[in-house]
């Protein structure tokens, strides 16, 4: 049986693939650990508002459709 958590594709992971960034590169850009990026992508942790705003800025640079609002809505919709 699959859960919403398993079915949802992380917007952060989409950003990484579309930008060509590895978890390590994105982590360095955001000044967090690579493990933190993994936790965010797997919905284990939710990024802070500060990090969401930085993610949105990175997404704009790479022309990826990711906003703070979309991130918040995605994390609200994930069952824990």
C-alpha atoms as a PDB file:
ATOM      1  CA  UNK A   1       0.000   0.000   0.000  1.00  0.00           C
ATOM      2  CA  UNK A   2       1.449   3.382  -0.979  1.00  0.00           C
ATOM      3  CA  UNK A   3       1.060   6.549   1.012  1.00  0.00           C
ATOM      4  CA  UNK A   4       0.783  10.163  -0.071  1.00  0.00           C
ATOM      5  CA  UNK A   5       4.282  10.580   1.304  1.00  0.00           C
ATOM      6  CA  UNK A   6       5.636   8.023  -1.183  1.00  0.00           C
ATOM      7  CA  UNK A   7       3.546   9.214  -4.157  1.00  0.00           C
ATOM      8  CA  UNK A   8       4.372  12.930  -3.994  1.00  0.00           C
ATOM      9  CA  UNK A   9       7.390  14.131  -5.908  1.00  0.00           C
ATOM     10  CA  UNK A  10       9.343  16.645  -3.912  1.00  0.00           C
ATOM     11  CA  UNK A  11       9.434  20.114  -5.445  1.00  0.00           C
ATOM     12  CA  UNK A  12      12.953  20.411  -4.054  1.00  0.00           C
ATOM     13  CA  UNK A  13      13.993  17.263  -5.912  1.00  0.00           C
ATOM     14  CA  UNK A  14      12.397  18.630  -9.102  1.00  0.00           C
ATOM     15  CA  UNK A  15      14.390  21.838  -8.622  1.00  0.00           C
ATOM     16  CA  UNK A  16      17.596  19.849  -8.212  1.00  0.00           C
ATOM     17  CA  UNK A  17      17.050  17.791 -11.346  1.00  0.00           C
ATOM     18  CA  UNK A  18      16.012  20.748 -13.496  1.00  0.00           C
ATOM     19  CA  UNK A  19      18.936  22.844 -12.273  1.00  0.00           C
ATOM     20  CA  UNK A  20      21.455  20.009 -12.505  1.00  0.00           C
ATOM     21  CA  UNK A  21      22.464  20.459  -8.858  1.00  0.00           C
ATOM     22  CA  UNK A  22      23.410  17.533  -6.649  1.00  0.00           C
ATOM     23  CA  UNK A  23      22.170  17.322  -3.072  1.00  0.00           C
ATOM     24  CA  UNK A  24      25.637  18.340  -1.936  1.00  0.00           C
ATOM     25  CA  UNK A  25      25.729  21.404  -4.232  1.00  0.00           C
ATOM     26  CA  UNK A  26      22.270  22.556  -3.159  1.00  0.00           C
ATOM     27  CA  UNK A  27      23.189  21.983   0.486  1.00  0.00           C
ATOM     28  CA  UNK A  28      26.287  24.147   0.092  1.00  0.00           C
ATOM     29  CA  UNK A  29      24.225  26.901  -1.557  1.00  0.00           C
ATOM     30  CA  UNK A  30      21.728  26.824   1.333  1.00  0.00           C
ATOM     31  CA  UNK A  31      24.379  26.314   4.035  1.00  0.00           C
ATOM     32  CA  UNK A  32      22.789  23.108   5.331  1.00  0.00           C
ATOM     33  CA  UNK A  33      23.963  19.505   5.342  1.00  0.00           C
ATOM     34  CA  UNK A  34      23.390  17.109   2.481  1.00  0.00           C
ATOM     35  CA  UNK A  35      21.346  15.016   4.920  1.00  0.00           C
ATOM     36  CA  UNK A  36      19.023  17.983   5.462  1.00  0.00           C
ATOM     37  CA  UNK A  37      18.316  18.157   1.717  1.00  0.00           C
ATOM     38  CA  UNK A  38      17.528  14.441   1.777  1.00  0.00           C
ATOM     39  CA  UNK A  39      15.171  14.901   4.748  1.00  0.00           C
ATOM     40  CA  UNK A  40      13.366  17.716   2.909  1.00  0.00           C
ATOM     41  CA  UNK A  41      13.073  15.683  -0.284  1.00  0.00           C
ATOM     42  CA  UNK A  42      11.667  12.715   1.621  1.00  0.00           C
ATOM     43  CA  UNK A  43       9.290  14.865   3.688  1.00  0.00           C
ATOM     44  CA  UNK A  44      11.039  13.942   6.936  1.00  0.00           C
ATOM     45  CA  UNK A  45      11.578  17.634   7.762  1.00  0.00           C
ATOM     46  CA  UNK A  46      10.070  20.838   6.457  1.00  0.00           C
ATOM     47  CA  UNK A  47      12.443  23.652   5.434  1.00  0.00           C
ATOM     48  CA  UNK A  48      12.291  26.859   7.443  1.00  0.00           C
ATOM     49  CA  UNK A  49      10.679  29.905   5.869  1.00  0.00           C
ATOM     50  CA  UNK A  50      14.180  31.358   5.438  1.00  0.00           C
ATOM     51  CA  UNK A  51      15.303  28.299   3.456  1.00  0.00           C
ATOM     52  CA  UNK A  52      12.082  28.230   1.440  1.00  0.00           C
ATOM     53  CA  UNK A  53      12.739  31.808   0.357  1.00  0.00           C
ATOM     54  CA  UNK A  54      16.294  30.866  -0.638  1.00  0.00           C
ATOM     55  CA  UNK A  55      14.952  27.862  -2.573  1.00  0.00           C
ATOM     56  CA  UNK A  56      12.496  30.124  -4.380  1.00  0.00           C
ATOM     57  CA  UNK A  57      15.340  32.464  -5.365  1.00  0.00           C
ATOM     58  CA  UNK A  58      17.423  29.560  -6.671  1.00  0.00           C
ATOM     59  CA  UNK A  59      14.398  28.262  -8.588  1.00  0.00           C
ATOM     60  CA  UNK A  60      13.888  31.652 -10.257  1.00  0.00           C
ATOM     61  CA  UNK A  61      17.530  31.640 -11.326  1.00  0.00           C
ATOM     62  CA  UNK A  62      17.030  28.254 -13.026  1.00  0.00           C
ATOM     63  CA  UNK A  63      13.522  29.150 -14.272  1.00  0.00           C
ATOM     64  CA  UNK A  64      11.894  26.422 -12.214  1.00  0.00           C
ATOM     65  CA  UNK A  65       8.313  26.966 -11.046  1.00  0.00           C
ATOM     66  CA  UNK A  66       8.784  26.724  -7.279  1.00  0.00           C
ATOM     67  CA  UNK A  67       7.428  29.235  -4.778  1.00  0.00           C
ATOM     68  CA  UNK A  68       7.272  29.432  -1.005  1.00  0.00           C
ATOM     69  CA  UNK A  69       3.487  29.003  -1.228  1.00  0.00           C
ATOM     70  CA  UNK A  70       3.831  25.815  -3.310  1.00  0.00           C
ATOM     71  CA  UNK A  71       6.359  24.396  -0.848  1.00  0.00           C
ATOM     72  CA  UNK A  72       4.135  25.152   2.134  1.00  0.00           C
ATOM     73  CA  UNK A  73       1.125  23.601   0.398  1.00  0.00           C
ATOM     74  CA  UNK A  74       3.112  20.503  -0.498  1.00  0.00           C
ATOM     75  CA  UNK A  75       4.289  19.944   3.066  1.00  0.00           C
ATOM     76  CA  UNK A  76       0.800  20.577   4.455  1.00  0.00           C
ATOM     77  CA  UNK A  77      -0.556  17.878   2.138  1.00  0.00           C
ATOM     78  CA  UNK A  78       1.926  15.207   3.184  1.00  0.00           C
ATOM     79  CA  UNK A  79       0.767  12.683   5.778  1.00  0.00           C
ATOM     80  CA  UNK A  80       3.272  12.085   8.545  1.00  0.00           C
END
